[in-house]
Amino acid sequence: MLLMLEDCAERVERFAAVWNVLAPGQSMRVYRTAAEMVRDLDIHLPTATLISLDHDLESVDGLDPGDGMDVARHLAALSPGCPVIVHTSNADRGTLMMGELELGGWKRHRVYPVGDDWIELDWGRIVKRVLRRSNASQKPGL
């Protein structure tokens, strides 16, 4: 399962298209607010294959959506699980999120949203690598 913090519907569609090709049959849960994602982590983290986090989120119904740093801090306080991709264009906050995850011992990757096809190329490349490693580690004798 992919757990994703992302508020842009157009990007979610593109992420889903890539995920469905690279991880057919695996589900994807998308959160528009940090609080929703943090609340669900206890339930879904044990079965997660990958987490992908944006930082800057748009307000939902006038409420503060929090940000990716809220989720990164929460994850850092937990035992490390699946790898995390930080996919924000906010360079400073992305660096802080990566540092927080590093302090927590999480495997992490950084994708910069540059160009029109960064989801399909850059994010997809990392997802493919993570899935390959995950599949290799699940084989008997490894």
Foldseek 3Di string as FASTA:
>chain_A
DEEEADADPVVVVVLVVLCCVLPPPDDYHYDQALVVSLVCCVPCVVPHQEYEFEFDGDDDPNHDRHGRLSNLLSQLVDAEDHEYEYEYQPVVVSVVSVVSNVNSVYHYHYFHPDDDCSSVPVVSVVVNVSVVVVVVVPDPPD
